[in-house]
């Protein structure tokens, strides 16, 4: 965590349990907030974009299911 804290926070944003624990682990290790905040902000924007894109894709795809053969 000391060596690659930024990348760790960025990746852990997409891992369900670690998403909650990563900021706490960074605090336990003693990383300064100014080092964590930019990566956390970038990770939040990336996560929201991926989740929003997945929701948009699912909503768009569900319209085509009746045409394929489902009720």
N, C-alpha and C. Protein backbone atom coordinates (compact mmCIF):
# COMPACT_ATOMS: atom_id res chain seq x y z
N UNK A 1 0.83 -1.19 0.00
CA UNK A 1 0.00 0.00 0.00
C UNK A 1 0.88 1.26 0.00
N UNK A 2 2.02 1.21 0.65
CA UNK A 2 2.89 2.38 0.67
C UNK A 2 3.46 2.70 -0.70
N UNK A 3 3.80 1.66 -1.46
CA UNK A 3 4.48 1.86 -2.73
C UNK A 3 3.54 2.33 -3.84
N UNK A 4 2.38 1.72 -3.94
CA UNK A 4 1.44 2.01 -5.04
C UNK A 4 0.05 2.30 -4.51
N UNK A 5 -0.04 3.24 -3.63
CA UNK A 5 -1.33 3.54 -3.00
C UNK A 5 -2.35 4.04 -4.00
N UNK A 6 -1.94 4.90 -4.92
CA UNK A 6 -2.87 5.45 -5.89
C UNK A 6 -3.47 4.40 -6.79
N UNK A 7 -2.61 3.55 -7.34
CA UNK A 7 -3.09 2.50 -8.21
C UNK A 7 -3.95 1.50 -7.45
N UNK A 8 -3.58 1.24 -6.20
CA UNK A 8 -4.36 0.32 -5.38
C UNK A 8 -5.76 0.86 -5.15
N UNK A 9 -5.87 2.13 -4.82
CA UNK A 9 -7.19 2.73 -4.61
C UNK A 9 -8.01 2.74 -5.89
N UNK A 10 -7.34 2.98 -7.00
CA UNK A 10 -8.04 3.00 -8.28
C UNK A 10 -8.60 1.63 -8.63
N UNK A 11 -7.82 0.59 -8.43
CA UNK A 11 -8.26 -0.78 -8.74
C UNK A 11 -9.30 -1.26 -7.74
N UNK A 12 -9.07 -0.97 -6.45
CA UNK A 12 -9.97 -1.46 -5.41
C UNK A 12 -11.34 -0.81 -5.48
N UNK A 13 -11.51 0.27 -6.22
CA UNK A 13 -12.83 0.88 -6.38
C UNK A 13 -13.79 -0.09 -7.06
N UNK A 14 -13.25 -1.02 -7.84
CA UNK A 14 -14.08 -1.95 -8.59
C UNK A 14 -14.22 -3.31 -7.91
N UNK A 15 -13.58 -3.51 -6.77
CA UNK A 15 -13.65 -4.77 -6.03
C UNK A 15 -14.57 -4.54 -4.82
N UNK A 16 -15.70 -5.26 -4.74
CA UNK A 16 -16.74 -4.92 -3.76
C UNK A 16 -16.30 -4.73 -2.31
N UNK A 17 -15.67 -5.66 -1.69
CA UNK A 17 -15.33 -5.52 -0.28
C UNK A 17 -14.14 -4.58 -0.09
N UNK A 18 -13.18 -4.66 -0.99
CA UNK A 18 -11.99 -3.82 -0.87
C UNK A 18 -12.30 -2.36 -1.11
N UNK A 19 -13.37 -2.10 -1.82
CA UNK A 19 -13.79 -0.72 -2.06
C UNK A 19 -14.06 0.01 -0.74
N UNK A 20 -14.60 -0.71 0.21
CA UNK A 20 -14.89 -0.13 1.51
C UNK A 20 -13.64 -0.06 2.39
N UNK A 21 -12.80 -1.06 2.28
CA UNK A 21 -11.65 -1.16 3.17
C UNK A 21 -10.42 -0.36 2.73
N UNK A 22 -10.28 -0.09 1.44
CA UNK A 22 -9.07 0.56 0.93
C UNK A 22 -8.77 1.91 1.58
N UNK A 23 -9.73 2.82 1.73
CA UNK A 23 -9.40 4.09 2.39
C UNK A 23 -8.98 3.90 3.85
N UNK A 24 -9.57 2.93 4.51
CA UNK A 24 -9.19 2.66 5.89
C UNK A 24 -7.77 2.11 5.97
N UNK A 25 -7.44 1.23 5.05
CA UNK A 25 -6.08 0.69 5.02
C UNK A 25 -5.06 1.79 4.72
N UNK A 26 -5.42 2.70 3.83
CA UNK A 26 -4.51 3.82 3.54
C UNK A 26 -4.30 4.68 4.79
N UNK A 27 -5.34 4.87 5.55
CA UNK A 27 -5.21 5.63 6.80
C UNK A 27 -4.37 4.92 7.83
N UNK A 28 -4.52 3.61 7.92
CA UNK A 28 -3.74 2.82 8.87
C UNK A 28 -2.25 2.89 8.51
N UNK A 29 -1.95 2.84 7.22
CA UNK A 29 -0.56 2.89 6.78
C UNK A 29 0.02 4.28 7.00
N UNK A 30 -0.82 5.29 7.07
CA UNK A 30 -0.36 6.65 7.34
C UNK A 30 -0.13 7.49 6.10
N UNK A 31 -0.80 7.15 5.02
CA UNK A 31 -0.66 7.94 3.80
C UNK A 31 -1.36 9.29 3.97
N UNK A 32 -0.74 10.36 3.50
CA UNK A 32 -1.37 11.68 3.63
C UNK A 32 -2.59 11.81 2.71
N UNK A 33 -3.54 12.58 3.14
CA UNK A 33 -4.78 12.75 2.39
C UNK A 33 -4.53 13.37 1.01
N UNK A 34 -3.57 14.27 0.92
CA UNK A 34 -3.28 14.91 -0.36
C UNK A 34 -2.78 13.93 -1.41
N UNK A 35 -2.26 12.80 -0.96
CA UNK A 35 -1.82 11.76 -1.88
C UNK A 35 -2.98 10.84 -2.28
N UNK A 36 -3.92 10.65 -1.40
CA UNK A 36 -5.04 9.73 -1.63
C UNK A 36 -6.17 10.40 -2.42
N UNK A 37 -6.44 11.65 -2.14
CA UNK A 37 -7.62 12.34 -2.69
C UNK A 37 -7.69 12.35 -4.22
N UNK A 38 -6.62 12.69 -4.95
CA UNK A 38 -6.76 12.70 -6.41
C UNK A 38 -7.08 11.33 -7.00
N UNK A 39 -6.45 10.30 -6.47
CA UNK A 39 -6.74 8.95 -6.97
C UNK A 39 -8.15 8.52 -6.61
N UNK A 40 -8.60 8.87 -5.44
CA UNK A 40 -9.94 8.52 -5.02
C UNK A 40 -10.98 9.24 -5.89
N UNK A 41 -10.73 10.50 -6.21
CA UNK A 41 -11.64 11.25 -7.07
C UNK A 41 -11.67 10.65 -8.48
N UNK A 42 -10.51 10.32 -9.01
CA UNK A 42 -10.44 9.71 -10.33
C UNK A 42 -11.14 8.35 -10.34
N UNK A 43 -10.94 7.58 -9.29
CA UNK A 43 -11.57 6.26 -9.19
C UNK A 43 -13.09 6.41 -9.10
N UNK A 44 -13.56 7.41 -8.39
CA UNK A 44 -15.01 7.61 -8.26
C UNK A 44 -15.64 7.96 -9.61
N UNK A 45 -14.99 8.82 -10.36
CA UNK A 45 -15.50 9.19 -11.68
C UNK A 45 -15.47 7.98 -12.62
N UNK A 46 -14.39 7.21 -12.57
CA UNK A 46 -14.29 6.02 -13.42
C UNK A 46 -15.37 5.00 -13.06
N UNK A 47 -15.57 4.78 -11.77
CA UNK A 47 -16.57 3.81 -11.33
C UNK A 47 -17.97 4.25 -11.75
N UNK A 48 -18.28 5.52 -11.55
CA UNK A 48 -19.61 6.02 -11.92
C UNK A 48 -19.83 5.91 -13.43
N UNK A 49 -18.79 6.16 -14.21
CA UNK A 49 -18.91 6.05 -15.66
C UNK A 49 -19.15 4.61 -16.10
N UNK A 50 -18.42 3.70 -15.51
CA UNK A 50 -18.59 2.28 -15.86
C UNK A 50 -19.98 1.80 -15.46
N UNK A 51 -20.41 2.13 -14.26
CA UNK A 51 -21.74 1.70 -13.81
C UNK A 51 -22.85 2.34 -14.64
N UNK A 52 -22.71 3.62 -14.93
CA UNK A 52 -23.71 4.30 -15.76
C UNK A 52 -23.74 3.73 -17.17
N UNK A 53 -22.56 3.43 -17.73
CA UNK A 53 -22.49 2.83 -19.06
C UNK A 53 -23.11 1.45 -19.08
N UNK A 54 -22.87 0.67 -18.04
CA UNK A 54 -23.47 -0.66 -17.97
C UNK A 54 -24.99 -0.57 -17.87
N UNK A 55 -25.49 0.37 -17.09
CA UNK A 55 -26.94 0.55 -16.98
C UNK A 55 -27.56 1.01 -18.29
N UNK A 56 -26.89 1.92 -18.96
CA UNK A 56 -27.38 2.40 -20.26
C UNK A 56 -27.40 1.26 -21.27
N UNK A 57 -26.34 0.47 -21.30
CA UNK A 57 -26.26 -0.65 -22.23
C UNK A 57 -27.34 -1.68 -21.93
N UNK A 58 -27.56 -1.96 -20.66
CA UNK A 58 -28.60 -2.93 -20.29
C UNK A 58 -29.98 -2.42 -20.68
N UNK A 59 -30.26 -1.14 -20.45
CA UNK A 59 -31.56 -0.58 -20.81
C UNK A 59 -31.75 -0.59 -22.33
N UNK A 60 -30.70 -0.32 -23.07
CA UNK A 60 -30.79 -0.34 -24.52
C UNK A 60 -30.99 -1.76 -25.03
N UNK A 61 -30.30 -2.72 -24.42
CA UNK A 61 -30.37 -4.11 -24.87
C UNK A 61 -31.70 -4.76 -24.54
N UNK A 62 -32.32 -4.37 -23.44
CA UNK A 62 -33.55 -5.01 -23.01
C UNK A 62 -34.70 -4.71 -23.98
N UNK A 63 -34.60 -3.65 -24.72
CA UNK A 63 -35.62 -3.32 -25.71
C UNK A 63 -35.62 -4.31 -26.87
N UNK A 64 -34.49 -4.96 -27.10
CA UNK A 64 -34.36 -5.87 -28.23
C UNK A 64 -34.68 -7.31 -27.88
N UNK A 65 -34.88 -7.62 -26.61
CA UNK A 65 -35.14 -9.00 -26.20
C UNK A 65 -36.45 -9.54 -26.78
N UNK A 66 -37.56 -8.81 -26.76
CA UNK A 66 -38.79 -9.36 -27.36
C UNK A 66 -38.64 -9.69 -28.85
N UNK A 67 -37.82 -8.93 -29.55
CA UNK A 67 -37.62 -9.19 -30.99
C UNK A 67 -36.83 -10.48 -31.20
N UNK A 68 -35.99 -10.84 -30.25
CA UNK A 68 -35.17 -12.04 -30.39
C UNK A 68 -35.98 -13.30 -30.11
N UNK A 69 -36.97 -13.22 -29.24
CA UNK A 69 -37.77 -14.40 -28.98
C UNK A 69 -38.22 -14.57 -27.55
N UNK A 70 -38.02 -13.59 -26.71
CA UNK A 70 -38.48 -13.69 -25.33
C UNK A 70 -39.77 -12.95 -25.14
N UNK A 71 -40.59 -13.37 -24.18
CA UNK A 71 -41.86 -12.66 -23.94
C UNK A 71 -41.62 -11.30 -23.29
